[in-house]
Amino acid sequence: NRRQIESFIAKEVIAIGDWLAFDIAAVADGDVTLGIYKADSVPAGADPVRPAFGVALEAATAADVTASKAIQVCISGVCDASVGDNGAVGSAIGTLLQTTGTAGTVDVADAASALPVCGILAETIPAAAGITLKRVVVRKSF
């Protein structure tokens, strides 16, 4: 199925299907692409914007974070991921997806945004579905 998987260390609690971002604020260069957070375009406080690059295939609990547990992440190809419902309008197969202000979730790409497209919807989302796990194609960016 052409899916590519890599292991990364969870820096916060993560659910299966969460869109993930690198630890771009890490001090050491090697740590930037080692640790992962939920992707988020509207960070809290001094946190940086975290553009999505992949999807969690495993969950990480608070204990896993403390233990620096590595989890499997889909960095390219097909998987199930957290996707919004386009403001309750729904989305069609082939819709381009982008990081949102809801941590770990993507939605319809906004052409005016500077954030990169991270995936393509491969399953229809009905109107008013809310945030659901849907089949996506993760666009390789790592």
N, C-alpha and C. Protein backbone atom coordinates (compact mmCIF):
# COMPACT_ATOMS: atom_id res chain seq x y z
N ASN A 1 0.80 -1.20 0.00
CA ASN A 1 0.00 0.00 0.00
C ASN A 1 0.84 1.27 0.00
N ARG A 2 2.11 1.23 -0.13
CA ARG A 2 2.97 2.41 -0.27
C ARG A 2 3.00 3.33 0.97
N ARG A 3 2.41 2.92 2.05
CA ARG A 3 2.45 3.73 3.27
C ARG A 3 3.86 3.67 3.86
N GLN A 4 4.37 4.83 4.29
CA GLN A 4 5.67 4.89 4.94
C GLN A 4 5.47 5.24 6.42
N ILE A 5 6.17 4.50 7.28
CA ILE A 5 6.02 4.66 8.73
C ILE A 5 7.39 4.92 9.34
N GLU A 6 7.43 5.84 10.29
CA GLU A 6 8.64 6.14 11.06
C GLU A 6 8.27 6.21 12.53
N SER A 7 9.27 6.09 13.41
CA SER A 7 9.07 6.20 14.86
C SER A 7 9.56 7.54 15.36
N PHE A 8 8.78 8.15 16.27
CA PHE A 8 9.12 9.43 16.88
C PHE A 8 8.76 9.37 18.35
N ILE A 9 9.38 10.23 19.15
CA ILE A 9 9.11 10.27 20.59
C ILE A 9 8.00 11.28 20.88
N ALA A 10 6.95 10.80 21.53
CA ALA A 10 5.80 11.64 21.87
C ALA A 10 6.18 12.62 22.97
N LYS A 11 5.90 13.91 22.75
CA LYS A 11 6.19 14.97 23.72
C LYS A 11 4.93 15.41 24.46
N GLU A 12 3.77 14.86 24.06
CA GLU A 12 2.51 15.13 24.75
C GLU A 12 1.58 13.94 24.50
N VAL A 13 0.48 13.88 25.22
CA VAL A 13 -0.50 12.81 25.04
C VAL A 13 -1.05 12.90 23.62
N ILE A 14 -1.07 11.76 22.94
CA ILE A 14 -1.47 11.70 21.54
C ILE A 14 -2.46 10.55 21.35
N ALA A 15 -3.48 10.78 20.54
CA ALA A 15 -4.46 9.73 20.22
C ALA A 15 -4.18 9.17 18.83
N ILE A 16 -4.61 7.95 18.60
CA ILE A 16 -4.51 7.38 17.26
C ILE A 16 -5.30 8.27 16.31
N GLY A 17 -4.69 8.63 15.18
CA GLY A 17 -5.35 9.47 14.19
C GLY A 17 -5.02 10.94 14.31
N ASP A 18 -4.35 11.34 15.40
CA ASP A 18 -3.95 12.75 15.52
C ASP A 18 -2.91 13.09 14.45
N TRP A 19 -3.04 14.28 13.88
CA TRP A 19 -2.02 14.81 12.98
C TRP A 19 -0.90 15.35 13.85
N LEU A 20 0.33 15.11 13.43
CA LEU A 20 1.48 15.42 14.26
C LEU A 20 2.43 16.41 13.59
N ALA A 21 3.21 17.07 14.44
CA ALA A 21 4.19 18.06 13.99
C ALA A 21 5.51 17.84 14.72
N PHE A 22 6.58 18.28 14.10
CA PHE A 22 7.90 18.17 14.72
C PHE A 22 8.04 19.12 15.91
N ASP A 23 8.99 18.83 16.76
CA ASP A 23 9.34 19.68 17.90
C ASP A 23 10.25 20.81 17.39
N ILE A 24 9.68 21.71 16.60
CA ILE A 24 10.49 22.72 15.93
C ILE A 24 11.11 23.74 16.88
N ALA A 25 10.70 23.75 18.13
CA ALA A 25 11.29 24.66 19.11
C ALA A 25 12.40 23.98 19.92
N ALA A 26 12.75 22.75 19.58
CA ALA A 26 13.80 22.03 20.31
C ALA A 26 15.12 22.79 20.21
N VAL A 27 15.92 22.73 21.25
CA VAL A 27 17.20 23.44 21.29
C VAL A 27 18.24 22.76 20.41
N ALA A 28 18.36 21.44 20.52
CA ALA A 28 19.35 20.70 19.74
C ALA A 28 18.80 20.34 18.37
N ASP A 29 19.60 20.53 17.34
CA ASP A 29 19.17 20.25 15.97
C ASP A 29 18.60 18.84 15.80
N GLY A 30 19.28 17.86 16.38
CA GLY A 30 18.84 16.48 16.24
C GLY A 30 17.51 16.19 16.89
N ASP A 31 17.11 17.02 17.86
CA ASP A 31 15.84 16.80 18.56
C ASP A 31 14.63 17.35 17.80
N VAL A 32 14.87 18.23 16.84
CA VAL A 32 13.76 18.85 16.09
C VAL A 32 12.90 17.79 15.40
N THR A 33 13.54 16.80 14.79
CA THR A 33 12.78 15.76 14.08
C THR A 33 12.72 14.45 14.86
N LEU A 34 12.98 14.51 16.16
CA LEU A 34 12.89 13.33 17.00
C LEU A 34 11.60 13.34 17.82
N GLY A 35 11.27 14.49 18.40
CA GLY A 35 10.07 14.62 19.21
C GLY A 35 8.90 15.12 18.39
N ILE A 36 7.69 14.75 18.82
CA ILE A 36 6.48 15.17 18.10
C ILE A 36 5.41 15.68 19.05
N TYR A 37 4.65 16.64 18.54
CA TYR A 37 3.48 17.21 19.21
C TYR A 37 2.30 17.10 18.26
N LYS A 38 1.10 17.36 18.77
CA LYS A 38 -0.06 17.47 17.89
C LYS A 38 0.12 18.70 17.01
N ALA A 39 -0.24 18.59 15.75
CA ALA A 39 -0.18 19.73 14.83
C ALA A 39 -1.20 20.77 15.28
N ASP A 40 -0.84 22.06 15.14
CA ASP A 40 -1.71 23.13 15.62
C ASP A 40 -1.33 24.44 14.94
N SER A 41 -2.30 25.12 14.36
CA SER A 41 -2.02 26.39 13.70
C SER A 41 -2.25 27.60 14.61
N VAL A 42 -2.84 27.36 15.79
CA VAL A 42 -3.09 28.45 16.73
C VAL A 42 -2.55 28.02 18.09
N PRO A 43 -1.24 28.12 18.27
CA PRO A 43 -0.62 27.64 19.50
C PRO A 43 -0.95 28.50 20.71
N ALA A 44 -0.78 27.90 21.87
CA ALA A 44 -1.01 28.62 23.14
C ALA A 44 0.28 29.28 23.59
N GLY A 45 0.17 30.49 24.13
CA GLY A 45 1.32 31.17 24.70
C GLY A 45 2.47 31.34 23.73
N ALA A 46 3.65 30.90 24.16
CA ALA A 46 4.86 31.07 23.35
C ALA A 46 5.13 29.88 22.43
N ASP A 47 4.24 28.90 22.40
CA ASP A 47 4.44 27.74 21.52
C ASP A 47 4.43 28.18 20.07
N PRO A 48 5.25 27.53 19.23
CA PRO A 48 5.26 27.88 17.80
C PRO A 48 4.09 27.24 17.06
N VAL A 49 3.78 27.76 15.88
CA VAL A 49 2.83 27.09 14.99
C VAL A 49 3.45 25.75 14.63
N ARG A 50 2.64 24.71 14.60
CA ARG A 50 3.17 23.36 14.34
C ARG A 50 2.44 22.74 13.14
N PRO A 51 3.00 22.89 11.94
CA PRO A 51 2.37 22.32 10.74
C PRO A 51 2.44 20.78 10.73
N ALA A 52 1.37 20.16 10.27
CA ALA A 52 1.28 18.69 10.25
C ALA A 52 2.22 18.08 9.22
N PHE A 53 2.83 16.94 9.59
CA PHE A 53 3.65 16.18 8.65
C PHE A 53 3.28 14.70 8.61
N GLY A 54 2.49 14.23 9.58
CA GLY A 54 2.14 12.81 9.62
C GLY A 54 1.00 12.55 10.58
N VAL A 55 0.62 11.27 10.69
CA VAL A 55 -0.54 10.86 11.49
C VAL A 55 -0.13 9.74 12.45
N ALA A 56 -0.58 9.86 13.70
CA ALA A 56 -0.27 8.86 14.72
C ALA A 56 -0.98 7.54 14.42
N LEU A 57 -0.21 6.48 14.36
CA LEU A 57 -0.78 5.14 14.20
C LEU A 57 -0.89 4.43 15.54
N GLU A 58 -0.28 5.03 16.56
CA GLU A 58 -0.34 4.53 17.94
C GLU A 58 -0.63 5.70 18.87
N ALA A 59 -1.20 5.41 20.02
CA ALA A 59 -1.47 6.44 21.02
C ALA A 59 -0.28 6.56 21.97
N ALA A 60 -0.21 7.71 22.65
CA ALA A 60 0.79 7.92 23.69
C ALA A 60 0.08 8.49 24.92
N THR A 61 0.21 7.82 26.05
CA THR A 61 -0.39 8.27 27.31
C THR A 61 0.59 9.20 28.03
N ALA A 62 0.14 9.78 29.14
CA ALA A 62 1.02 10.63 29.95
C ALA A 62 2.24 9.82 30.43
N ALA A 63 2.02 8.57 30.79
CA ALA A 63 3.13 7.71 31.22
C ALA A 63 4.11 7.47 30.08
N ASP A 64 3.59 7.32 28.86
CA ASP A 64 4.45 7.13 27.68
C ASP A 64 5.30 8.36 27.44
N VAL A 65 4.71 9.55 27.64
CA VAL A 65 5.46 10.81 27.45
C VAL A 65 6.59 10.88 28.47
N THR A 66 6.29 10.56 29.73
CA THR A 66 7.30 10.57 30.78
C THR A 66 8.44 9.59 30.47
N ALA A 67 8.08 8.46 29.88
CA ALA A 67 9.07 7.42 29.55
C ALA A 67 9.72 7.64 28.19
N SER A 68 9.40 8.74 27.52
CA SER A 68 9.94 9.04 26.18
C SER A 68 9.69 7.91 25.19
N LYS A 69 8.46 7.40 25.21
CA LYS A 69 8.09 6.29 24.33
C LYS A 69 8.02 6.75 22.88
N ALA A 70 8.57 5.92 22.00
CA ALA A 70 8.47 6.17 20.56
C ALA A 70 7.16 5.56 20.05
N ILE A 71 6.48 6.29 19.18
CA ILE A 71 5.26 5.77 18.56
C ILE A 71 5.41 5.77 17.05
N GLN A 72 4.62 4.93 16.40
CA GLN A 72 4.64 4.80 14.95
C GLN A 72 3.79 5.91 14.31
N VAL A 73 4.33 6.53 13.25
CA VAL A 73 3.67 7.64 12.57
C VAL A 73 3.68 7.39 11.07
N CYS A 74 2.52 7.55 10.44
CA CYS A 74 2.43 7.48 8.99
C CYS A 74 2.93 8.81 8.44
N ILE A 75 4.04 8.78 7.67
CA ILE A 75 4.58 10.02 7.11
C ILE A 75 4.24 10.17 5.63
N SER A 76 3.65 9.13 5.06
CA SER A 76 3.25 9.18 3.65
C SER A 76 2.33 7.99 3.37
N GLY A 77 1.28 8.23 2.59
CA GLY A 77 0.39 7.15 2.21
C GLY A 77 -0.96 7.21 2.89
N VAL A 78 -1.69 6.10 2.85
CA VAL A 78 -3.08 6.04 3.31
C VAL A 78 -3.17 5.61 4.77
N CYS A 79 -3.99 6.32 5.54
CA CYS A 79 -4.29 5.95 6.93
C CYS A 79 -5.56 6.68 7.36
N ASP A 80 -6.05 6.36 8.54
CA ASP A 80 -7.20 7.06 9.11
C ASP A 80 -6.70 8.18 10.00
N ALA A 81 -7.30 9.37 9.84
CA ALA A 81 -6.82 10.54 10.57
C ALA A 81 -7.98 11.44 10.99
N SER A 82 -7.72 12.30 11.96
CA SER A 82 -8.70 13.23 12.49
C SER A 82 -8.92 14.38 11.50
N VAL A 83 -10.18 14.51 11.04
CA VAL A 83 -10.52 15.54 10.04
C VAL A 83 -11.81 16.24 10.47
N GLY A 84 -11.81 17.56 10.35
CA GLY A 84 -13.01 18.34 10.63
C GLY A 84 -14.01 18.26 9.49
N ASP A 85 -15.22 18.80 9.72
CA ASP A 85 -16.30 18.69 8.73
C ASP A 85 -16.52 19.96 7.91
N ASN A 86 -15.47 20.78 7.77
CA ASN A 86 -15.55 21.99 6.94
C ASN A 86 -16.65 22.92 7.43
N GLY A 87 -16.64 23.21 8.73
CA GLY A 87 -17.65 24.12 9.28
C GLY A 87 -19.06 23.60 9.17
N ALA A 88 -19.23 22.29 9.32
CA ALA A 88 -20.52 21.58 9.25
C ALA A 88 -21.07 21.46 7.84
N VAL A 89 -20.27 21.84 6.83
CA VAL A 89 -20.71 21.73 5.43
C VAL A 89 -20.42 20.36 4.84
N GLY A 90 -19.38 19.69 5.35
CA GLY A 90 -18.96 18.40 4.80
C GLY A 90 -17.89 18.60 3.75
N SER A 91 -17.26 17.50 3.33
CA SER A 91 -16.17 17.57 2.35
C SER A 91 -16.21 16.36 1.42
N ALA A 92 -15.75 16.58 0.20
CA ALA A 92 -15.75 15.53 -0.82
C ALA A 92 -14.38 14.84 -0.90
N ILE A 93 -14.39 13.67 -1.46
CA ILE A 93 -13.14 12.97 -1.74
C ILE A 93 -12.28 13.86 -2.63
N GLY A 94 -10.99 13.93 -2.33
CA GLY A 94 -10.07 14.75 -3.10
C GLY A 94 -9.82 16.13 -2.51
N THR A 95 -10.52 16.47 -1.43
CA THR A 95 -10.34 17.76 -0.77
C THR A 95 -8.94 17.84 -0.17
N LEU A 96 -8.25 18.96 -0.40
CA LEU A 96 -6.93 19.18 0.18
C LEU A 96 -7.09 19.56 1.65
N LEU A 97 -6.18 19.06 2.49
CA LEU A 97 -6.29 19.25 3.94
C LEU A 97 -5.11 20.04 4.49
N GLN A 98 -5.38 20.75 5.59
CA GLN A 98 -4.39 21.64 6.18
C GLN A 98 -4.55 21.68 7.70
N THR A 99 -3.46 21.96 8.40
CA THR A 99 -3.47 22.11 9.85
C THR A 99 -4.48 23.18 10.27
N THR A 100 -5.16 22.93 11.40
CA THR A 100 -6.16 23.87 11.91
C THR A 100 -5.78 24.33 13.32
N GLY A 101 -6.63 25.15 13.92
CA GLY A 101 -6.45 25.59 15.29
C GLY A 101 -6.90 24.57 16.31
N THR A 102 -7.45 23.45 15.86
CA THR A 102 -7.81 22.35 16.76
C THR A 102 -6.66 21.37 16.74
N ALA A 103 -5.92 21.29 17.83
CA ALA A 103 -4.72 20.46 17.89
C ALA A 103 -5.00 19.02 17.45
N GLY A 104 -4.17 18.53 16.53
CA GLY A 104 -4.27 17.15 16.07
C GLY A 104 -5.29 16.92 14.97
N THR A 105 -5.98 17.96 14.53
CA THR A 105 -7.04 17.83 13.52
C THR A 105 -6.74 18.73 12.32
N VAL A 106 -7.08 18.24 11.14
CA VAL A 106 -6.97 19.04 9.92
C VAL A 106 -8.36 19.28 9.36
N ASP A 107 -8.44 20.19 8.40
CA ASP A 107 -9.71 20.48 7.73
C ASP A 107 -9.38 21.00 6.33
N VAL A 108 -10.39 21.46 5.63
CA VAL A 108 -10.22 21.94 4.26
C VAL A 108 -9.14 23.01 4.20
N ALA A 109 -8.23 22.89 3.23
CA ALA A 109 -7.15 23.85 3.07
C ALA A 109 -7.68 25.21 2.66
N ASP A 110 -7.11 26.25 3.23
CA ASP A 110 -7.46 27.64 2.94
C ASP A 110 -6.37 28.21 2.03
N ALA A 111 -6.73 28.60 0.84
CA ALA A 111 -5.76 29.11 -0.13
C ALA A 111 -5.01 30.33 0.39
N ALA A 112 -5.59 31.06 1.31
CA ALA A 112 -4.95 32.26 1.85
C ALA A 112 -3.96 31.94 2.96
N SER A 113 -3.91 30.71 3.42
CA SER A 113 -3.02 30.33 4.52
C SER A 113 -1.61 30.03 4.02
N ALA A 114 -0.63 30.34 4.85
CA ALA A 114 0.76 30.04 4.52
C ALA A 114 1.14 28.61 4.91
N LEU A 115 0.26 27.92 5.64
CA LEU A 115 0.56 26.55 6.05
C LEU A 115 0.47 25.60 4.85
N PRO A 116 1.35 24.61 4.79
CA PRO A 116 1.33 23.67 3.66
C PRO A 116 0.15 22.70 3.73
N VAL A 117 -0.25 22.21 2.58
CA VAL A 117 -1.24 21.12 2.51
C VAL A 117 -0.55 19.87 3.03
N CYS A 118 -1.21 19.15 3.92
CA CYS A 118 -0.58 17.97 4.52
C CYS A 118 -1.22 16.66 4.08
N GLY A 119 -2.38 16.73 3.43
CA GLY A 119 -3.03 15.50 3.03
C GLY A 119 -4.18 15.74 2.08
N ILE A 120 -4.74 14.62 1.62
CA ILE A 120 -5.87 14.63 0.69
C ILE A 120 -6.93 13.70 1.26
N LEU A 121 -8.15 14.18 1.33
CA LEU A 121 -9.26 13.38 1.85
C LEU A 121 -9.59 12.25 0.88
N ALA A 122 -9.67 11.03 1.40
CA ALA A 122 -9.97 9.87 0.56
C ALA A 122 -11.29 9.21 0.94
N GLU A 123 -12.13 9.96 1.64
CA GLU A 123 -13.43 9.47 2.09
C GLU A 123 -14.34 10.68 2.27
N THR A 124 -15.58 10.58 1.88
CA THR A 124 -16.52 11.69 2.01
C THR A 124 -16.85 11.95 3.47
N ILE A 125 -16.95 13.23 3.83
CA ILE A 125 -17.40 13.62 5.16
C ILE A 125 -18.76 14.29 5.01
N PRO A 126 -19.80 13.73 5.61
CA PRO A 126 -21.13 14.34 5.51
C PRO A 126 -21.22 15.64 6.30
N ALA A 127 -22.18 16.46 5.96
CA ALA A 127 -22.42 17.71 6.69
C ALA A 127 -22.71 17.41 8.16
N ALA A 128 -22.25 18.29 9.03
CA ALA A 128 -22.49 18.22 10.49
C ALA A 128 -21.94 16.94 11.12
N ALA A 129 -20.89 16.37 10.53
CA ALA A 129 -20.31 15.14 11.08
C ALA A 129 -19.40 15.43 12.27
N GLY A 130 -18.96 16.68 12.40
CA GLY A 130 -18.01 17.01 13.47
C GLY A 130 -16.62 16.50 13.11
N ILE A 131 -15.79 16.35 14.11
CA ILE A 131 -14.43 15.83 13.91
C ILE A 131 -14.50 14.32 13.97
N THR A 132 -14.04 13.67 12.90
CA THR A 132 -14.10 12.22 12.80
C THR A 132 -12.80 11.67 12.24
N LEU A 133 -12.59 10.36 12.42
CA LEU A 133 -11.46 9.70 11.78
C LEU A 133 -11.90 9.28 10.39
N LYS A 134 -11.18 9.76 9.39
CA LYS A 134 -11.50 9.46 7.99
C LYS A 134 -10.23 9.03 7.26
N ARG A 135 -10.42 8.30 6.17
CA ARG A 135 -9.28 7.85 5.35
C ARG A 135 -8.69 9.04 4.61
N VAL A 136 -7.38 9.19 4.72
CA VAL A 136 -6.68 10.28 4.05
C VAL A 136 -5.43 9.73 3.37
N VAL A 137 -4.88 10.52 2.47
CA VAL A 137 -3.56 10.25 1.92
C VAL A 137 -2.64 11.32 2.48
N VAL A 138 -1.68 10.90 3.28
CA VAL A 138 -0.71 11.84 3.85
C VAL A 138 0.29 12.20 2.76
N ARG A 139 0.46 13.50 2.54
CA ARG A 139 1.44 13.99 1.56
C ARG A 139 2.81 14.02 2.21
N LYS A 140 3.75 13.40 1.56
CA LYS A 140 5.10 13.30 2.14
C LYS A 140 5.75 14.68 2.23
N SER A 141 6.20 15.00 3.44
CA SER A 141 6.91 16.27 3.63
C SER A 141 8.12 16.09 4.54
N PHE A 142 8.48 14.82 4.78
CA PHE A 142 9.65 14.54 5.63
C PHE A 142 10.42 13.40 5.05
